[in-house]
Amino acid sequence: MSDSEQRVNVELMGKTFTIKGDANPEYMAQVAGYVNAKILEMKKLTASDQTKMLLLTALNIADELFQARRGIQVSPADAQQIEKRTQALLKMLESGLVGQYTKSVVELE
């Protein structure tokens, strides 16, 4: 571990993980907290399939990042539209229209 590398314990999906990086531990905990909140948000929208839930969480966070990079502010109406699109994607995933995955390859405990 380098002199500037910090470690912090965070909770994601009810499990404790140690993350390390050059950032301030409080910042790393804040980022992990944000990710955990997004996961919990997606958990409300998805069935019990963790893979789909985590993929949708990653897609939503990536969407936020891309919009932020373009300097786009999301209005409440746009946020509602994004949620509708997310629901449509979820339905497509559940019906198998978007692709298949193998649980043995992407399995989370």
N, C-alpha and C. Protein backbone atom coordinates (compact mmCIF):
# COMPACT_ATOMS: atom_id res chain seq x y z
N MET A 1 0.85 -1.17 0.00
CA MET A 1 0.00 0.00 0.00
C MET A 1 0.89 1.23 0.00
N SER A 2 0.65 2.18 -0.91
CA SER A 2 1.45 3.40 -0.98
C SER A 2 1.11 4.31 0.19
N ASP A 3 1.97 5.31 0.42
CA ASP A 3 1.76 6.23 1.53
C ASP A 3 0.44 6.98 1.41
N SER A 4 0.03 7.29 0.19
CA SER A 4 -1.19 8.08 0.00
C SER A 4 -2.44 7.21 -0.11
N GLU A 5 -2.27 5.91 -0.15
CA GLU A 5 -3.42 5.03 -0.30
C GLU A 5 -4.15 4.87 1.03
N GLN A 6 -5.46 5.08 0.98
CA GLN A 6 -6.30 4.99 2.17
C GLN A 6 -7.21 3.77 2.06
N ARG A 7 -7.69 3.29 3.19
CA ARG A 7 -8.65 2.18 3.24
C ARG A 7 -9.87 2.63 4.04
N VAL A 8 -11.03 2.13 3.61
CA VAL A 8 -12.26 2.42 4.34
C VAL A 8 -13.20 1.22 4.18
N ASN A 9 -13.87 0.87 5.26
CA ASN A 9 -14.88 -0.19 5.22
C ASN A 9 -16.21 0.44 4.85
N VAL A 10 -16.89 -0.16 3.88
CA VAL A 10 -18.19 0.34 3.44
C VAL A 10 -19.17 -0.82 3.37
N GLU A 11 -20.45 -0.48 3.40
CA GLU A 11 -21.47 -1.51 3.29
C GLU A 11 -22.19 -1.35 1.96
N LEU A 12 -22.23 -2.45 1.20
CA LEU A 12 -22.95 -2.50 -0.06
C LEU A 12 -23.81 -3.76 -0.05
N MET A 13 -25.09 -3.58 -0.28
CA MET A 13 -26.02 -4.71 -0.32
C MET A 13 -25.97 -5.54 0.95
N GLY A 14 -25.79 -4.86 2.08
CA GLY A 14 -25.79 -5.55 3.36
C GLY A 14 -24.50 -6.25 3.71
N LYS A 15 -23.48 -6.10 2.89
CA LYS A 15 -22.19 -6.73 3.17
C LYS A 15 -21.12 -5.65 3.33
N THR A 16 -20.14 -5.93 4.18
CA THR A 16 -19.07 -4.98 4.41
C THR A 16 -17.89 -5.30 3.50
N PHE A 17 -17.38 -4.24 2.84
CA PHE A 17 -16.24 -4.37 1.95
C PHE A 17 -15.19 -3.34 2.35
N THR A 18 -13.94 -3.68 2.15
CA THR A 18 -12.86 -2.72 2.34
C THR A 18 -12.46 -2.22 0.97
N ILE A 19 -12.52 -0.91 0.79
CA ILE A 19 -12.07 -0.33 -0.47
C ILE A 19 -10.84 0.52 -0.17
N LYS A 20 -9.98 0.63 -1.14
CA LYS A 20 -8.77 1.41 -0.94
C LYS A 20 -8.55 2.30 -2.15
N GLY A 21 -7.94 3.44 -1.89
CA GLY A 21 -7.65 4.38 -2.96
C GLY A 21 -6.91 5.58 -2.43
N ASP A 22 -6.60 6.49 -3.33
CA ASP A 22 -5.86 7.69 -2.97
C ASP A 22 -6.76 8.80 -2.43
N ALA A 23 -8.06 8.63 -2.57
CA ALA A 23 -9.02 9.66 -2.14
C ALA A 23 -9.19 9.64 -0.63
N ASN A 24 -9.76 10.69 -0.13
CA ASN A 24 -10.11 10.82 1.28
C ASN A 24 -11.09 9.70 1.64
N PRO A 25 -10.89 9.02 2.77
CA PRO A 25 -11.79 7.93 3.18
C PRO A 25 -13.26 8.37 3.28
N GLU A 26 -13.50 9.60 3.72
CA GLU A 26 -14.87 10.09 3.80
C GLU A 26 -15.50 10.19 2.42
N TYR A 27 -14.70 10.61 1.44
CA TYR A 27 -15.19 10.70 0.07
C TYR A 27 -15.50 9.30 -0.47
N MET A 28 -14.60 8.35 -0.24
CA MET A 28 -14.83 6.98 -0.73
C MET A 28 -16.08 6.40 -0.09
N ALA A 29 -16.29 6.68 1.20
CA ALA A 29 -17.50 6.20 1.88
C ALA A 29 -18.74 6.86 1.30
N GLN A 30 -18.63 8.14 0.94
CA GLN A 30 -19.76 8.85 0.34
C GLN A 30 -20.11 8.26 -1.03
N VAL A 31 -19.10 7.96 -1.82
CA VAL A 31 -19.32 7.34 -3.14
C VAL A 31 -19.98 5.97 -2.97
N ALA A 32 -19.46 5.17 -2.06
CA ALA A 32 -20.04 3.85 -1.81
C ALA A 32 -21.48 3.98 -1.31
N GLY A 33 -21.74 4.96 -0.48
CA GLY A 33 -23.09 5.20 0.00
C GLY A 33 -24.04 5.56 -1.13
N TYR A 34 -23.55 6.35 -2.08
CA TYR A 34 -24.35 6.72 -3.24
C TYR A 34 -24.69 5.48 -4.08
N VAL A 35 -23.68 4.66 -4.32
CA VAL A 35 -23.89 3.43 -5.09
C VAL A 35 -24.88 2.52 -4.36
N ASN A 36 -24.73 2.39 -3.06
CA ASN A 36 -25.63 1.54 -2.29
C ASN A 36 -27.07 2.07 -2.38
N ALA A 37 -27.24 3.39 -2.30
CA ALA A 37 -28.58 3.98 -2.41
C ALA A 37 -29.18 3.70 -3.77
N LYS A 38 -28.36 3.78 -4.82
CA LYS A 38 -28.85 3.48 -6.18
C LYS A 38 -29.24 2.01 -6.30
N ILE A 39 -28.47 1.14 -5.68
CA ILE A 39 -28.80 -0.29 -5.71
C ILE A 39 -30.14 -0.52 -5.03
N LEU A 40 -30.33 0.10 -3.87
CA LEU A 40 -31.59 -0.05 -3.15
C LEU A 40 -32.76 0.51 -3.95
N GLU A 41 -32.52 1.60 -4.66
CA GLU A 41 -33.55 2.20 -5.52
C GLU A 41 -33.95 1.22 -6.63
N MET A 42 -32.96 0.59 -7.26
CA MET A 42 -33.24 -0.38 -8.32
C MET A 42 -33.89 -1.64 -7.76
N LYS A 43 -33.52 -1.99 -6.54
CA LYS A 43 -34.08 -3.20 -5.92
C LYS A 43 -35.59 -3.08 -5.80
N LYS A 44 -36.08 -1.85 -5.57
CA LYS A 44 -37.52 -1.62 -5.48
C LYS A 44 -38.21 -1.85 -6.82
N LEU A 45 -37.47 -1.64 -7.93
CA LEU A 45 -38.06 -1.71 -9.26
C LEU A 45 -37.94 -3.07 -9.92
N THR A 46 -37.02 -3.90 -9.43
CA THR A 46 -36.74 -5.15 -10.10
C THR A 46 -37.24 -6.34 -9.31
N ALA A 47 -37.29 -7.43 -10.01
CA ALA A 47 -37.61 -8.69 -9.34
C ALA A 47 -36.41 -9.08 -8.48
N SER A 48 -36.38 -10.27 -8.01
CA SER A 48 -35.32 -10.69 -7.09
C SER A 48 -34.01 -11.02 -7.80
N ASP A 49 -33.92 -10.80 -9.09
CA ASP A 49 -32.72 -11.13 -9.85
C ASP A 49 -31.63 -10.08 -9.61
N GLN A 50 -30.60 -10.44 -8.85
CA GLN A 50 -29.53 -9.50 -8.51
C GLN A 50 -28.76 -9.03 -9.73
N THR A 51 -28.55 -9.91 -10.70
CA THR A 51 -27.78 -9.53 -11.88
C THR A 51 -28.48 -8.40 -12.63
N LYS A 52 -29.77 -8.55 -12.85
CA LYS A 52 -30.52 -7.50 -13.54
C LYS A 52 -30.50 -6.21 -12.73
N MET A 53 -30.69 -6.33 -11.43
CA MET A 53 -30.70 -5.17 -10.56
C MET A 53 -29.38 -4.42 -10.63
N LEU A 54 -28.27 -5.14 -10.56
CA LEU A 54 -26.96 -4.50 -10.60
C LEU A 54 -26.65 -3.92 -11.97
N LEU A 55 -27.07 -4.60 -13.03
CA LEU A 55 -26.87 -4.07 -14.38
C LEU A 55 -27.66 -2.78 -14.57
N LEU A 56 -28.89 -2.76 -14.13
CA LEU A 56 -29.70 -1.55 -14.24
C LEU A 56 -29.13 -0.42 -13.39
N THR A 57 -28.62 -0.75 -12.23
CA THR A 57 -27.97 0.25 -11.38
C THR A 57 -26.78 0.86 -12.11
N ALA A 58 -25.94 0.00 -12.68
CA ALA A 58 -24.77 0.48 -13.41
C ALA A 58 -25.17 1.35 -14.60
N LEU A 59 -26.20 0.94 -15.32
CA LEU A 59 -26.67 1.72 -16.47
C LEU A 59 -27.19 3.09 -16.03
N ASN A 60 -27.93 3.12 -14.94
CA ASN A 60 -28.45 4.40 -14.45
C ASN A 60 -27.34 5.34 -14.00
N ILE A 61 -26.35 4.81 -13.30
CA ILE A 61 -25.24 5.64 -12.86
C ILE A 61 -24.43 6.13 -14.06
N ALA A 62 -24.22 5.25 -15.04
CA ALA A 62 -23.51 5.66 -16.26
C ALA A 62 -24.29 6.75 -17.00
N ASP A 63 -25.61 6.62 -17.05
CA ASP A 63 -26.44 7.64 -17.68
C ASP A 63 -26.27 8.98 -16.97
N GLU A 64 -26.28 8.96 -15.64
CA GLU A 64 -26.08 10.19 -14.87
C GLU A 64 -24.71 10.81 -15.19
N LEU A 65 -23.69 9.97 -15.27
CA LEU A 65 -22.35 10.45 -15.58
C LEU A 65 -22.29 11.10 -16.95
N PHE A 66 -22.84 10.43 -17.96
CA PHE A 66 -22.81 10.96 -19.32
C PHE A 66 -23.56 12.29 -19.39
N GLN A 67 -24.70 12.37 -18.73
CA GLN A 67 -25.47 13.62 -18.73
C GLN A 67 -24.71 14.73 -18.02
N ALA A 68 -24.07 14.39 -16.91
CA ALA A 68 -23.28 15.39 -16.17
C ALA A 68 -22.12 15.89 -17.02
N ARG A 69 -21.49 15.00 -17.75
CA ARG A 69 -20.37 15.41 -18.62
C ARG A 69 -20.84 16.35 -19.72
N ARG A 70 -22.08 16.18 -20.16
CA ARG A 70 -22.63 17.07 -21.18
C ARG A 70 -23.24 18.32 -20.57
N GLY A 71 -23.26 18.39 -19.25
CA GLY A 71 -23.80 19.55 -18.57
C GLY A 71 -25.32 19.60 -18.58
N ILE A 72 -25.95 18.45 -18.67
CA ILE A 72 -27.41 18.39 -18.73
C ILE A 72 -27.96 18.27 -17.32
N GLN A 73 -28.89 19.14 -17.00
CA GLN A 73 -29.62 19.04 -15.74
C GLN A 73 -30.91 18.29 -16.01
N VAL A 74 -31.20 17.30 -15.21
CA VAL A 74 -32.39 16.48 -15.43
C VAL A 74 -33.55 17.08 -14.64
N SER A 75 -34.59 17.44 -15.37
CA SER A 75 -35.79 17.98 -14.73
C SER A 75 -36.60 16.82 -14.12
N PRO A 76 -37.52 17.14 -13.23
CA PRO A 76 -38.37 16.07 -12.68
C PRO A 76 -39.12 15.31 -13.77
N ALA A 77 -39.58 16.02 -14.80
CA ALA A 77 -40.29 15.35 -15.91
C ALA A 77 -39.35 14.40 -16.65
N ASP A 78 -38.10 14.84 -16.87
CA ASP A 78 -37.13 13.97 -17.53
C ASP A 78 -36.79 12.77 -16.66
N ALA A 79 -36.67 13.01 -15.36
CA ALA A 79 -36.39 11.90 -14.44
C ALA A 79 -37.50 10.88 -14.48
N GLN A 80 -38.73 11.36 -14.58
CA GLN A 80 -39.88 10.45 -14.67
C GLN A 80 -39.82 9.66 -15.98
N GLN A 81 -39.41 10.32 -17.06
CA GLN A 81 -39.28 9.65 -18.36
C GLN A 81 -38.17 8.60 -18.30
N ILE A 82 -37.08 8.93 -17.65
CA ILE A 82 -35.97 7.97 -17.50
C ILE A 82 -36.45 6.76 -16.71
N GLU A 83 -37.25 6.99 -15.67
CA GLU A 83 -37.76 5.87 -14.88
C GLU A 83 -38.67 5.00 -15.74
N LYS A 84 -39.50 5.60 -16.59
CA LYS A 84 -40.37 4.83 -17.48
C LYS A 84 -39.54 3.99 -18.44
N ARG A 85 -38.47 4.59 -18.98
CA ARG A 85 -37.60 3.85 -19.90
C ARG A 85 -36.91 2.70 -19.16
N THR A 86 -36.51 2.96 -17.93
CA THR A 86 -35.88 1.91 -17.12
C THR A 86 -36.86 0.76 -16.90
N GLN A 87 -38.09 1.09 -16.60
CA GLN A 87 -39.12 0.05 -16.41
C GLN A 87 -39.31 -0.75 -17.69
N ALA A 88 -39.32 -0.07 -18.85
CA ALA A 88 -39.46 -0.77 -20.14
C ALA A 88 -38.27 -1.69 -20.38
N LEU A 89 -37.05 -1.21 -20.06
CA LEU A 89 -35.86 -2.06 -20.20
C LEU A 89 -35.95 -3.27 -19.29
N LEU A 90 -36.41 -3.05 -18.07
CA LEU A 90 -36.56 -4.15 -17.13
C LEU A 90 -37.52 -5.20 -17.68
N LYS A 91 -38.64 -4.76 -18.22
CA LYS A 91 -39.61 -5.70 -18.78
C LYS A 91 -38.99 -6.49 -19.94
N MET A 92 -38.19 -5.80 -20.77
CA MET A 92 -37.53 -6.49 -21.88
C MET A 92 -36.53 -7.50 -21.35
N LEU A 93 -35.78 -7.12 -20.30
CA LEU A 93 -34.83 -8.05 -19.70
C LEU A 93 -35.55 -9.27 -19.16
N GLU A 94 -36.64 -9.02 -18.46
CA GLU A 94 -37.37 -10.13 -17.85
C GLU A 94 -37.99 -11.05 -18.89
N SER A 95 -38.36 -10.50 -20.04
CA SER A 95 -38.96 -11.34 -21.07
C SER A 95 -37.90 -11.94 -21.99
N GLY A 96 -36.63 -11.61 -21.77
CA GLY A 96 -35.55 -12.22 -22.54
C GLY A 96 -35.27 -11.56 -23.88
N LEU A 97 -35.82 -10.36 -24.12
CA LEU A 97 -35.63 -9.70 -25.40
C LEU A 97 -34.27 -9.03 -25.54
N VAL A 98 -33.63 -8.71 -24.44
CA VAL A 98 -32.37 -7.99 -24.49
C VAL A 98 -31.17 -8.92 -24.50
N GLY A 99 -31.33 -10.12 -24.08
CA GLY A 99 -30.21 -11.05 -24.08
C GLY A 99 -30.28 -11.99 -22.90
N GLN A 100 -29.48 -12.97 -22.96
CA GLN A 100 -29.45 -13.98 -21.92
C GLN A 100 -28.13 -13.87 -21.18
N TYR A 101 -28.11 -14.39 -20.00
CA TYR A 101 -26.88 -14.46 -19.22
C TYR A 101 -26.85 -15.80 -18.53
N THR A 102 -25.67 -16.15 -18.06
CA THR A 102 -25.52 -17.42 -17.36
C THR A 102 -25.24 -17.12 -15.91
N LYS A 103 -26.08 -17.61 -15.03
CA LYS A 103 -25.91 -17.34 -13.60
C LYS A 103 -24.57 -17.84 -13.09
N SER A 104 -24.07 -18.93 -13.65
CA SER A 104 -22.80 -19.45 -13.15
C SER A 104 -21.64 -18.53 -13.49
N VAL A 105 -21.78 -17.71 -14.54
CA VAL A 105 -20.73 -16.79 -14.92
C VAL A 105 -20.80 -15.51 -14.08
N VAL A 106 -22.00 -15.00 -13.87
CA VAL A 106 -22.19 -13.77 -13.13
C VAL A 106 -23.04 -14.10 -11.91
N GLU A 107 -22.42 -14.62 -10.88
CA GLU A 107 -23.17 -15.00 -9.71
C GLU A 107 -22.67 -14.22 -8.51
N LEU A 108 -23.60 -13.61 -7.82
CA LEU A 108 -23.26 -12.84 -6.63
C LEU A 108 -23.81 -13.56 -5.42
N GLU A 109 -23.05 -13.50 -4.35
CA GLU A 109 -23.53 -14.12 -3.13
C GLU A 109 -24.24 -13.11 -2.29
